Amino acid sequence: MTQPEDLQEQYVTRQIRAAQAGEYPEHKDIDEAENGSMVNDMEDLIQLGEDMEAMQPNREDKKDGLLPDPGQ
């Protein structure tokens, strides 16, 4: 059985390899970014949606033996 730590390591490794291959969103210039906002435009919103889709819900984290982040 795969341990939660192994799954996390695999996920991080995939992200690193994708970034090394040039597959990552471009950052906004500091003059263009809107501080205090989760997204600055539709492109950011789409990327945030993709990132959130890749995250497991708390019940899945608990099932895998992980503790979810505390409420903010």
Protein backbone atom coordinates (compact mmCIF):
# COMPACT_ATOMS: atom_id res chain seq x y z
CA MET A 1 0.00 0.00 0.00
CA THR A 2 1.29 3.43 -0.92
CA GLN A 3 1.87 5.71 2.07
CA PRO A 4 0.56 9.33 2.04
CA GLU A 5 4.12 10.62 2.21
CA ASP A 6 4.98 8.65 -0.94
CA LEU A 7 2.00 10.13 -2.79
CA GLN A 8 3.06 13.61 -1.75
CA GLU A 9 6.62 12.95 -2.89
CA GLN A 10 5.36 11.69 -6.25
CA TYR A 11 3.17 14.79 -6.69
CA VAL A 12 6.04 17.16 -5.87
CA THR A 13 8.38 15.27 -8.19
CA ARG A 14 5.87 15.59 -11.05
CA GLN A 15 5.57 19.34 -10.41
CA ILE A 16 9.35 19.77 -10.41
CA ARG A 17 9.77 17.79 -13.63
CA ALA A 18 7.00 19.79 -15.32
CA ALA A 19 8.64 23.06 -14.26
CA GLN A 20 12.03 21.85 -15.51
CA ALA A 21 10.39 21.07 -18.85
CA GLY A 22 9.05 24.63 -18.98
CA GLU A 23 5.46 23.71 -18.15
CA TYR A 24 4.51 26.35 -15.60
CA PRO A 25 2.50 29.54 -15.66
CA GLU A 26 4.37 32.78 -16.20
CA HIS A 27 4.47 35.19 -13.28
CA LYS A 28 3.01 38.64 -13.62
CA ASP A 29 5.29 41.65 -13.50
CA ILE A 30 5.08 43.31 -10.06
CA ASP A 31 3.59 46.45 -11.65
CA GLU A 32 0.86 44.36 -13.27
CA ALA A 33 -0.01 42.14 -10.29
CA GLU A 34 -2.85 43.14 -7.99
CA ASN A 35 -1.69 42.45 -4.45
CA GLY A 36 -4.36 41.24 -2.05
CA SER A 37 -6.28 39.40 -4.75
CA MET A 38 -6.18 35.64 -5.37
CA VAL A 39 -6.27 36.20 -9.13
CA ASN A 40 -5.44 39.11 -11.41
CA ASP A 41 -7.20 38.01 -14.59
CA MET A 42 -8.96 35.11 -16.30
CA GLU A 43 -5.65 33.33 -16.98
CA ASP A 44 -4.87 33.35 -13.25
CA LEU A 45 -8.40 32.17 -12.46
CA ILE A 46 -8.07 29.20 -14.82
CA GLN A 47 -4.68 28.27 -13.30
CA LEU A 48 -6.08 28.53 -9.76
CA GLY A 49 -8.99 26.31 -10.76
CA GLU A 50 -6.62 23.69 -12.16
CA ASP A 51 -4.48 23.82 -9.00
CA MET A 52 -7.52 23.44 -6.77
CA GLU A 53 -8.88 20.54 -8.86
CA ALA A 54 -5.59 18.70 -8.23
CA MET A 55 -6.00 19.05 -4.45
CA GLN A 56 -7.70 16.33 -2.44
CA PRO A 57 -10.64 17.21 -0.20
CA ASN A 58 -10.10 17.02 3.56
CA ARG A 59 -11.97 13.72 3.82
CA GLU A 60 -9.50 12.16 1.36
CA ASP A 61 -6.56 13.57 3.33
CA LYS A 62 -7.96 12.10 6.53
CA LYS A 63 -8.53 8.75 4.84
CA ASP A 64 -4.86 8.79 3.77
CA GLY A 65 -3.75 9.54 7.35
CA LEU A 66 -2.94 13.20 6.71
CA LEU A 67 -4.15 16.17 8.73
CA PRO A 68 -6.01 18.84 6.75
CA ASP A 69 -4.99 22.48 6.97
CA PRO A 70 -6.79 24.39 9.70
CA GLY A 71 -9.58 26.74 8.72
CA GLN A 72 -8.39 30.19 7.84
